[in-house]
Amino acid sequence: ILIIIDTISLFIRPLALGVRLTANLTAGHLLIQLTSTAVLALLSTITTLSILTIIILFLLIILELALAIIQAYVFVLLLSLCLQENI
């Protein structure tokens, strides 16, 4: 029974890493989409608040790029550790 549990854990681990990576990227894109929608809604009514929201949007894009690089590094590192453990 230990062999079955170990085999299932070997298949689940990369799947869990993929789900985590997808969730992190989706959350970042969703936050950028919501902020850009707020910019478009505020542009015609309150210009100064719209400019502040645009600055926040650019900071979110930079943060999203940094997080994508970190997530890719962590994903490759954990995947290589999992594969190295099994070879």
PDB file of N, CA and C in Angstrom:
ATOM      1  N   ILE A   1       0.827  -1.199   0.000  1.00  0.00           N
ATOM      2  CA  ILE A   1       0.000   0.000   0.000  1.00  0.00           C
ATOM      3  C   ILE A   1       0.874   1.266   0.000  1.00  0.00           C
ATOM      4  N   LEU A   2       2.062   1.175   0.549  1.00  0.00           N
ATOM      5  CA  LEU A   2       2.978   2.317   0.561  1.00  0.00           C
ATOM      6  C   LEU A   2       3.419   2.680  -0.856  1.00  0.00           C
ATOM      7  N   ILE A   3       3.573   1.677  -1.712  1.00  0.00           N
ATOM      8  CA  ILE A   3       3.951   1.937  -3.103  1.00  0.00           C
ATOM      9  C   ILE A   3       2.852   2.712  -3.821  1.00  0.00           C
ATOM     10  N   ILE A   4       1.609   2.372  -3.553  1.00  0.00           N
ATOM     11  CA  ILE A   4       0.487   3.069  -4.178  1.00  0.00           C
ATOM     12  C   ILE A   4       0.421   4.524  -3.722  1.00  0.00           C
ATOM     13  N   ILE A   5       0.603   4.748  -2.444  1.00  0.00           N
ATOM     14  CA  ILE A   5       0.571   6.113  -1.909  1.00  0.00           C
ATOM     15  C   ILE A   5       1.721   6.936  -2.470  1.00  0.00           C
ATOM     16  N   ASP A   6       2.910   6.356  -2.562  1.00  0.00           N
ATOM     17  CA  ASP A   6       4.067   7.063  -3.096  1.00  0.00           C
ATOM     18  C   ASP A   6       3.871   7.384  -4.583  1.00  0.00           C
ATOM     19  N   THR A   7       3.308   6.455  -5.318  1.00  0.00           N
ATOM     20  CA  THR A   7       3.054   6.692  -6.743  1.00  0.00           C
ATOM     21  C   THR A   7       2.033   7.804  -6.943  1.00  0.00           C
ATOM     22  N   ILE A   8       0.984   7.791  -6.148  1.00  0.00           N
ATOM     23  CA  ILE A   8      -0.024   8.857  -6.248  1.00  0.00           C
ATOM     24  C   ILE A   8       0.586  10.211  -5.895  1.00  0.00           C
ATOM     25  N   SER A   9       1.445  10.254  -4.883  1.00  0.00           N
ATOM     26  CA  SER A   9       2.069  11.528  -4.505  1.00  0.00           C
ATOM     27  C   SER A   9       3.004  12.036  -5.593  1.00  0.00           C
ATOM     28  N   LEU A  10       3.640  11.129  -6.341  1.00  0.00           N
ATOM     29  CA  LEU A  10       4.506  11.552  -7.444  1.00  0.00           C
ATOM     30  C   LEU A  10       3.710  12.197  -8.564  1.00  0.00           C
ATOM     31  N   PHE A  11       2.499  11.720  -8.792  1.00  0.00           N
ATOM     32  CA  PHE A  11       1.666  12.313  -9.837  1.00  0.00           C
ATOM     33  C   PHE A  11       0.956  13.585  -9.369  1.00  0.00           C
ATOM     34  N   ILE A  12       0.647  13.672  -8.102  1.00  0.00           N
ATOM     35  CA  ILE A  12      -0.085  14.824  -7.568  1.00  0.00           C
ATOM     36  C   ILE A  12       0.813  16.052  -7.428  1.00  0.00           C
ATOM     37  N   ARG A  13       2.065  15.865  -7.085  1.00  0.00           N
ATOM     38  CA  ARG A  13       2.960  16.988  -6.806  1.00  0.00           C
ATOM     39  C   ARG A  13       3.102  17.955  -7.982  1.00  0.00           C
ATOM     40  N   PRO A  14       3.417  17.500  -9.217  1.00  0.00           N
ATOM     41  CA  PRO A  14       3.484  18.454 -10.342  1.00  0.00           C
ATOM     42  C   PRO A  14       2.134  19.089 -10.652  1.00  0.00           C
ATOM     43  N   LEU A  15       1.070  18.337 -10.456  1.00  0.00           N
ATOM     44  CA  LEU A  15      -0.266  18.883 -10.684  1.00  0.00           C
ATOM     45  C   LEU A  15      -0.567  20.012  -9.694  1.00  0.00           C
ATOM     46  N   ALA A  16      -0.193  19.815  -8.440  1.00  0.00           N
ATOM     47  CA  ALA A  16      -0.403  20.856  -7.427  1.00  0.00           C
ATOM     48  C   ALA A  16       0.441  22.093  -7.730  1.00  0.00           C
ATOM     49  N   LEU A  17       1.652  21.892  -8.220  1.00  0.00           N
ATOM     50  CA  LEU A  17       2.488  23.037  -8.601  1.00  0.00           C
ATOM     51  C   LEU A  17       1.866  23.806  -9.761  1.00  0.00           C
ATOM     52  N   GLY A  18       1.317  23.089 -10.713  1.00  0.00           N
ATOM     53  CA  GLY A  18       0.671  23.742 -11.842  1.00  0.00           C
ATOM     54  C   GLY A  18      -0.568  24.524 -11.437  1.00  0.00           C
ATOM     55  N   VAL A  19      -1.348  23.962 -10.535  1.00  0.00           N
ATOM     56  CA  VAL A  19      -2.553  24.653 -10.052  1.00  0.00           C
ATOM     57  C   VAL A  19      -2.166  25.925  -9.292  1.00  0.00           C
ATOM     58  N   ARG A  20      -1.128  25.829  -8.469  1.00  0.00           N
ATOM     59  CA  ARG A  20      -0.678  27.003  -7.717  1.00  0.00           C
ATOM     60  C   ARG A  20      -0.171  28.104  -8.642  1.00  0.00           C
ATOM     61  N   LEU A  21       0.600  27.712  -9.650  1.00  0.00           N
ATOM     62  CA  LEU A  21       1.114  28.682 -10.604  1.00  0.00           C
ATOM     63  C   LEU A  21      -0.028  29.339 -11.381  1.00  0.00           C
ATOM     64  N   THR A  22      -0.991  28.545 -11.811  1.00  0.00           N
ATOM     65  CA  THR A  22      -2.139  29.087 -12.541  1.00  0.00           C
ATOM     66  C   THR A  22      -2.963  30.039 -11.681  1.00  0.00           C
ATOM     67  N   ALA A  23      -3.165  29.690 -10.430  1.00  0.00           N
ATOM     68  CA  ALA A  23      -3.949  30.547  -9.530  1.00  0.00           C
ATOM     69  C   ALA A  23      -3.240  31.876  -9.289  1.00  0.00           C
ATOM     70  N   ASN A  24      -1.929  31.845  -9.102  1.00  0.00           N
ATOM     71  CA  ASN A  24      -1.186  33.089  -8.867  1.00  0.00           C
ATOM     72  C   ASN A  24      -1.214  33.998 -10.091  1.00  0.00           C
ATOM     73  N   LEU A  25      -1.035  33.417 -11.270  1.00  0.00           N
ATOM     74  CA  LEU A  25      -1.060  34.233 -12.479  1.00  0.00           C
ATOM     75  C   LEU A  25      -2.456  34.775 -12.762  1.00  0.00           C
ATOM     76  N   THR A  26      -3.470  33.974 -12.521  1.00  0.00           N
ATOM     77  CA  THR A  26      -4.844  34.418 -12.757  1.00  0.00           C
ATOM     78  C   THR A  26      -5.224  35.542 -11.791  1.00  0.00           C
ATOM     79  N   ALA A  27      -4.808  35.432 -10.554  1.00  0.00           N
ATOM     80  CA  ALA A  27      -5.120  36.478  -9.574  1.00  0.00           C
ATOM     81  C   ALA A  27      -4.480  37.805  -9.968  1.00  0.00           C
ATOM     82  N   GLY A  28      -3.256  37.757 -10.438  1.00  0.00           N
ATOM     83  CA  GLY A  28      -2.582  38.992 -10.864  1.00  0.00           C
ATOM     84  C   GLY A  28      -3.256  39.614 -12.071  1.00  0.00           C
ATOM     85  N   HIS A  29      -3.608  38.792 -13.040  1.00  0.00           N
ATOM     86  CA  HIS A  29      -4.279  39.318 -14.226  1.00  0.00           C
ATOM     87  C   HIS A  29      -5.665  39.871 -13.888  1.00  0.00           C
ATOM     88  N   LEU A  30      -6.349  39.228 -12.981  1.00  0.00           N
ATOM     89  CA  LEU A  30      -7.661  39.708 -12.566  1.00  0.00           C
ATOM     90  C   LEU A  30      -7.554  41.069 -11.863  1.00  0.00           C
ATOM     91  N   LEU A  31      -6.548  41.224 -11.021  1.00  0.00           N
ATOM     92  CA  LEU A  31      -6.345  42.501 -10.333  1.00  0.00           C
ATOM     93  C   LEU A  31      -6.012  43.615 -11.319  1.00  0.00           C
ATOM     94  N   ILE A  32      -5.205  43.313 -12.323  1.00  0.00           N
ATOM     95  CA  ILE A  32      -4.880  44.314 -13.343  1.00  0.00           C
ATOM     96  C   ILE A  32      -6.128  44.664 -14.161  1.00  0.00           C
ATOM     97  N   GLN A  33      -6.931  43.668 -14.488  1.00  0.00           N
ATOM     98  CA  GLN A  33      -8.164  43.921 -15.244  1.00  0.00           C
ATOM     99  C   GLN A  33      -9.129  44.806 -14.457  1.00  0.00           C
ATOM    100  N   LEU A  34      -9.286  44.528 -13.175  1.00  0.00           N
ATOM    101  CA  LEU A  34     -10.188  45.342 -12.348  1.00  0.00           C
ATOM    102  C   LEU A  34      -9.678  46.772 -12.209  1.00  0.00           C
ATOM    103  N   THR A  35      -8.371  46.936 -12.062  1.00  0.00           N
ATOM    104  CA  THR A  35      -7.805  48.281 -11.934  1.00  0.00           C
ATOM    105  C   THR A  35      -7.946  49.053 -13.239  1.00  0.00           C
ATOM    106  N   SER A  36      -7.714  48.410 -14.373  1.00  0.00           N
ATOM    107  CA  SER A  36      -7.860  49.113 -15.648  1.00  0.00           C
ATOM    108  C   SER A  36      -9.319  49.475 -15.932  1.00  0.00           C
ATOM    109  N   THR A  37     -10.250  48.646 -15.483  1.00  0.00           N
ATOM    110  CA  THR A  37     -11.666  48.996 -15.612  1.00  0.00           C
ATOM    111  C   THR A  37     -12.000  50.208 -14.751  1.00  0.00           C
ATOM    112  N   ALA A  38     -11.397  50.286 -13.571  1.00  0.00           N
ATOM    113  CA  ALA A  38     -11.611  51.448 -12.714  1.00  0.00           C
ATOM    114  C   ALA A  38     -11.032  52.707 -13.345  1.00  0.00           C
ATOM    115  N   VAL A  39      -9.896  52.575 -14.027  1.00  0.00           N
ATOM    116  CA  VAL A  39      -9.306  53.735 -14.722  1.00  0.00           C
ATOM    117  C   VAL A  39     -10.263  54.236 -15.791  1.00  0.00           C
ATOM    118  N   LEU A  40     -10.824  53.330 -16.580  1.00  0.00           N
ATOM    119  CA  LEU A  40     -11.746  53.745 -17.632  1.00  0.00           C
ATOM    120  C   LEU A  40     -13.021  54.367 -17.063  1.00  0.00           C
ATOM    121  N   ALA A  41     -13.480  53.866 -15.941  1.00  0.00           N
ATOM    122  CA  ALA A  41     -14.692  54.417 -15.334  1.00  0.00           C
ATOM    123  C   ALA A  41     -14.432  55.791 -14.721  1.00  0.00           C
ATOM    124  N   LEU A  42     -13.242  55.975 -14.152  1.00  0.00           N
ATOM    125  CA  LEU A  42     -12.938  57.244 -13.487  1.00  0.00           C
ATOM    126  C   LEU A  42     -12.391  58.317 -14.421  1.00  0.00           C
ATOM    127  N   LEU A  43     -11.994  57.930 -15.621  1.00  0.00           N
ATOM    128  CA  LEU A  43     -11.350  58.873 -16.522  1.00  0.00           C
ATOM    129  C   LEU A  43     -12.255  60.044 -16.890  1.00  0.00           C
ATOM    130  N   SER A  44     -13.519  59.773 -17.112  1.00  0.00           N
ATOM    131  CA  SER A  44     -14.418  60.851 -17.532  1.00  0.00           C
ATOM    132  C   SER A  44     -14.949  61.671 -16.358  1.00  0.00           C
ATOM    133  N   THR A  45     -14.916  61.123 -15.142  1.00  0.00           N
ATOM    134  CA  THR A  45     -15.503  61.846 -14.015  1.00  0.00           C
ATOM    135  C   THR A  45     -14.440  62.539 -13.159  1.00  0.00           C
ATOM    136  N   ILE A  46     -13.522  61.776 -12.612  1.00  0.00           N
ATOM    137  CA  ILE A  46     -12.526  62.342 -11.694  1.00  0.00           C
ATOM    138  C   ILE A  46     -11.138  62.099 -12.293  1.00  0.00           C
ATOM    139  N   THR A  47     -10.555  63.141 -12.881  1.00  0.00           N
ATOM    140  CA  THR A  47      -9.298  62.982 -13.602  1.00  0.00           C
ATOM    141  C   THR A  47      -8.123  62.728 -12.657  1.00  0.00           C
ATOM    142  N   THR A  48      -8.065  63.432 -11.542  1.00  0.00           N
ATOM    143  CA  THR A  48      -6.913  63.273 -10.638  1.00  0.00           C
ATOM    144  C   THR A  48      -6.885  61.876 -10.023  1.00  0.00           C
ATOM    145  N   LEU A  49      -8.033  61.369  -9.656  1.00  0.00           N
ATOM    146  CA  LEU A  49      -8.099  60.010  -9.116  1.00  0.00           C
ATOM    147  C   LEU A  49      -7.774  58.982 -10.199  1.00  0.00           C
ATOM    148  N   SER A  50      -8.140  59.301 -11.430  1.00  0.00           N
ATOM    149  CA  SER A  50      -7.830  58.412 -12.543  1.00  0.00           C
ATOM    150  C   SER A  50      -6.321  58.343 -12.772  1.00  0.00           C
ATOM    151  N   ILE A  51      -5.638  59.463 -12.660  1.00  0.00           N
ATOM    152  CA  ILE A  51      -4.174  59.477 -12.820  1.00  0.00           C
ATOM    153  C   ILE A  51      -3.514  58.678 -11.708  1.00  0.00           C
ATOM    154  N   LEU A  52      -4.001  58.811 -10.490  1.00  0.00           N
ATOM    155  CA  LEU A  52      -3.479  58.023  -9.378  1.00  0.00           C
ATOM    156  C   LEU A  52      -3.705  56.523  -9.610  1.00  0.00           C
ATOM    157  N   THR A  53      -4.853  56.185 -10.150  1.00  0.00           N
ATOM    158  CA  THR A  53      -5.159  54.781 -10.436  1.00  0.00           C
ATOM    159  C   THR A  53      -4.287  54.244 -11.560  1.00  0.00           C
ATOM    160  N   ILE A  54      -3.943  55.079 -12.542  1.00  0.00           N
ATOM    161  CA  ILE A  54      -3.031  54.666 -13.613  1.00  0.00           C
ATOM    162  C   ILE A  54      -1.648  54.374 -13.054  1.00  0.00           C
ATOM    163  N   ILE A  55      -1.193  55.192 -12.112  1.00  0.00           N
ATOM    164  CA  ILE A  55       0.106  54.950 -11.474  1.00  0.00           C
ATOM    165  C   ILE A  55       0.072  53.621 -10.716  1.00  0.00           C
ATOM    166  N   ILE A  56      -1.017  53.371 -10.011  1.00  0.00           N
ATOM    167  CA  ILE A  56      -1.164  52.094  -9.304  1.00  0.00           C
ATOM    168  C   ILE A  56      -1.191  50.942 -10.299  1.00  0.00           C
ATOM    169  N   LEU A  57      -1.826  51.149 -11.447  1.00  0.00           N
ATOM    170  CA  LEU A  57      -1.882  50.110 -12.480  1.00  0.00           C
ATOM    171  C   LEU A  57      -0.486  49.782 -13.002  1.00  0.00           C
ATOM    172  N   PHE A  58       0.333  50.780 -13.252  1.00  0.00           N
ATOM    173  CA  PHE A  58       1.696  50.524 -13.718  1.00  0.00           C
ATOM    174  C   PHE A  58       2.521  49.802 -12.652  1.00  0.00           C
ATOM    175  N   LEU A  59       2.326  50.173 -11.391  1.00  0.00           N
ATOM    176  CA  LEU A  59       3.028  49.466 -10.315  1.00  0.00           C
ATOM    177  C   LEU A  59       2.578  48.009 -10.223  1.00  0.00           C
ATOM    178  N   LEU A  60       1.291  47.766 -10.444  1.00  0.00           N
ATOM    179  CA  LEU A  60       0.789  46.387 -10.448  1.00  0.00           C
ATOM    180  C   LEU A  60       1.361  45.577 -11.602  1.00  0.00           C
ATOM    181  N   ILE A  61       1.548  46.204 -12.740  1.00  0.00           N
ATOM    182  CA  ILE A  61       2.131  45.504 -13.883  1.00  0.00           C
ATOM    183  C   ILE A  61       3.578  45.135 -13.589  1.00  0.00           C
ATOM    184  N   ILE A  62       4.333  46.040 -12.983  1.00  0.00           N
ATOM    185  CA  ILE A  62       5.716  45.737 -12.605  1.00  0.00           C
ATOM    186  C   ILE A  62       5.739  44.621 -11.565  1.00  0.00           C
ATOM    187  N   LEU A  63       4.841  44.682 -10.602  1.00  0.00           N
ATOM    188  CA  LEU A  63       4.755  43.627  -9.593  1.00  0.00           C
ATOM    189  C   LEU A  63       4.387  42.286 -10.228  1.00  0.00           C
ATOM    190  N   GLU A  64       3.481  42.324 -11.193  1.00  0.00           N
ATOM    191  CA  GLU A  64       3.071  41.088 -11.878  1.00  0.00           C
ATOM    192  C   GLU A  64       4.243  40.477 -12.650  1.00  0.00           C
ATOM    193  N   LEU A  65       5.047  41.309 -13.283  1.00  0.00           N
ATOM    194  CA  LEU A  65       6.222  40.791 -13.989  1.00  0.00           C
ATOM    195  C   LEU A  65       7.218  40.172 -13.023  1.00  0.00           C
ATOM    196  N   ALA A  66       7.447  40.834 -11.895  1.00  0.00           N
ATOM    197  CA  ALA A  66       8.372  40.285 -10.897  1.00  0.00           C
ATOM    198  C   ALA A  66       7.842  38.975 -10.329  1.00  0.00           C
ATOM    199  N   LEU A  67       6.560  38.929 -10.057  1.00  0.00           N
ATOM    200  CA  LEU A  67       5.973  37.694  -9.530  1.00  0.00           C
ATOM    201  C   LEU A  67       6.001  36.564 -10.552  1.00  0.00           C
ATOM    202  N   ALA A  68       5.840  36.890 -11.822  1.00  0.00           N
ATOM    203  CA  ALA A  68       5.912  35.859 -12.860  1.00  0.00           C
ATOM    204  C   ALA A  68       7.312  35.260 -12.930  1.00  0.00           C
ATOM    205  N   ILE A  69       8.324  36.097 -12.798  1.00  0.00           N
ATOM    206  CA  ILE A  69       9.702  35.598 -12.805  1.00  0.00           C
ATOM    207  C   ILE A  69       9.958  34.734 -11.582  1.00  0.00           C
ATOM    208  N   ILE A  70       9.503  35.181 -10.426  1.00  0.00           N
ATOM    209  CA  ILE A  70       9.706  34.407  -9.199  1.00  0.00           C
ATOM    210  C   ILE A  70       8.932  33.096  -9.253  1.00  0.00           C
ATOM    211  N   GLN A  71       7.695  33.132  -9.748  1.00  0.00           N
ATOM    212  CA  GLN A  71       6.893  31.911  -9.839  1.00  0.00           C
ATOM    213  C   GLN A  71       7.515  30.917 -10.812  1.00  0.00           C
ATOM    214  N   ALA A  72       8.038  31.402 -11.923  1.00  0.00           N
ATOM    215  CA  ALA A  72       8.686  30.503 -12.879  1.00  0.00           C
ATOM    216  C   ALA A  72       9.922  29.866 -12.253  1.00  0.00           C
ATOM    217  N   TYR A  73      10.693  30.656 -11.506  1.00  0.00           N
ATOM    218  CA  TYR A  73      11.874  30.123 -10.846  1.00  0.00           C
ATOM    219  C   TYR A  73      11.501  29.064  -9.805  1.00  0.00           C
ATOM    220  N   VAL A  74      10.501  29.355  -8.985  1.00  0.00           N
ATOM    221  CA  VAL A  74      10.074  28.405  -7.955  1.00  0.00           C
ATOM    222  C   VAL A  74       9.503  27.142  -8.596  1.00  0.00           C
ATOM    223  N   PHE A  75       8.729  27.309  -9.662  1.00  0.00           N
ATOM    224  CA  PHE A  75       8.139  26.151 -10.328  1.00  0.00           C
ATOM    225  C   PHE A  75       9.226  25.235 -10.891  1.00  0.00           C
ATOM    226  N   VAL A  76      10.210  25.823 -11.571  1.00  0.00           N
ATOM    227  CA  VAL A  76      11.288  25.018 -12.149  1.00  0.00           C
ATOM    228  C   VAL A  76      12.134  24.394 -11.053  1.00  0.00           C
ATOM    229  N   LEU A  77      12.399  25.130  -9.984  1.00  0.00           N
ATOM    230  CA  LEU A  77      13.196  24.597  -8.879  1.00  0.00           C
ATOM    231  C   LEU A  77      12.496  23.428  -8.211  1.00  0.00           C
ATOM    232  N   LEU A  78      11.229  23.573  -7.892  1.00  0.00           N
ATOM    233  CA  LEU A  78      10.497  22.486  -7.240  1.00  0.00           C
ATOM    234  C   LEU A  78      10.307  21.292  -8.163  1.00  0.00           C
ATOM    235  N   LEU A  79      10.073  21.562  -9.427  1.00  0.00           N
ATOM    236  CA  LEU A  79       9.922  20.458 -10.368  1.00  0.00           C
ATOM    237  C   LEU A  79      11.229  19.699 -10.543  1.00  0.00           C
ATOM    238  N   SER A  80      12.341  20.423 -10.607  1.00  0.00           N
ATOM    239  CA  SER A  80      13.631  19.735 -10.736  1.00  0.00           C
ATOM    240  C   SER A  80      13.969  18.960  -9.471  1.00  0.00           C
ATOM    241  N   LEU A  81      13.595  19.489  -8.307  1.00  0.00           N
ATOM    242  CA  LEU A  81      13.821  18.750  -7.075  1.00  0.00           C
ATOM    243  C   LEU A  81      12.975  17.479  -7.019  1.00  0.00           C
ATOM    244  N   CYS A  82      11.743  17.583  -7.488  1.00  0.00           N
ATOM    245  CA  CYS A  82      10.872  16.387  -7.516  1.00  0.00           C
ATOM    246  C   CYS A  82      11.411  15.345  -8.480  1.00  0.00           C
ATOM    247  N   LEU A  83      11.863  15.800  -9.646  1.00  0.00           N
ATOM    248  CA  LEU A  83      12.396  14.856 -10.616  1.00  0.00           C
ATOM    249  C   LEU A  83      13.718  14.259 -10.154  1.00  0.00           C
ATOM    250  N   GLN A  84      14.535  15.070  -9.511  1.00  0.00           N
ATOM    251  CA  GLN A  84      15.823  14.591  -9.014  1.00  0.00           C
ATOM    252  C   GLN A  84      15.629  13.584  -7.884  1.00  0.00           C
ATOM    253  N   GLU A  85      14.586  13.766  -7.106  1.00  0.00           N
ATOM    254  CA  GLU A  85      14.287  12.856  -6.018  1.00  0.00           C
ATOM    255  C   GLU A  85      13.892  11.471  -6.532  1.00  0.00           C
ATOM    256  N   ASN A  86      13.315  11.427  -7.729  1.00  0.00           N
ATOM    257  CA  ASN A  86      12.798  10.174  -8.261  1.00  0.00           C
ATOM    258  C   ASN A  86      13.772   9.457  -9.192  1.00  0.00           C
ATOM    259  N   ILE A  87      14.864  10.083  -9.513  1.00  0.00           N
ATOM    260  CA  ILE A  87      15.831   9.446 -10.423  1.00  0.00           C
ATOM    261  C   ILE A  87      16.942   8.785  -9.655  1.00  0.00           C
TER     262      ILE A  87
END
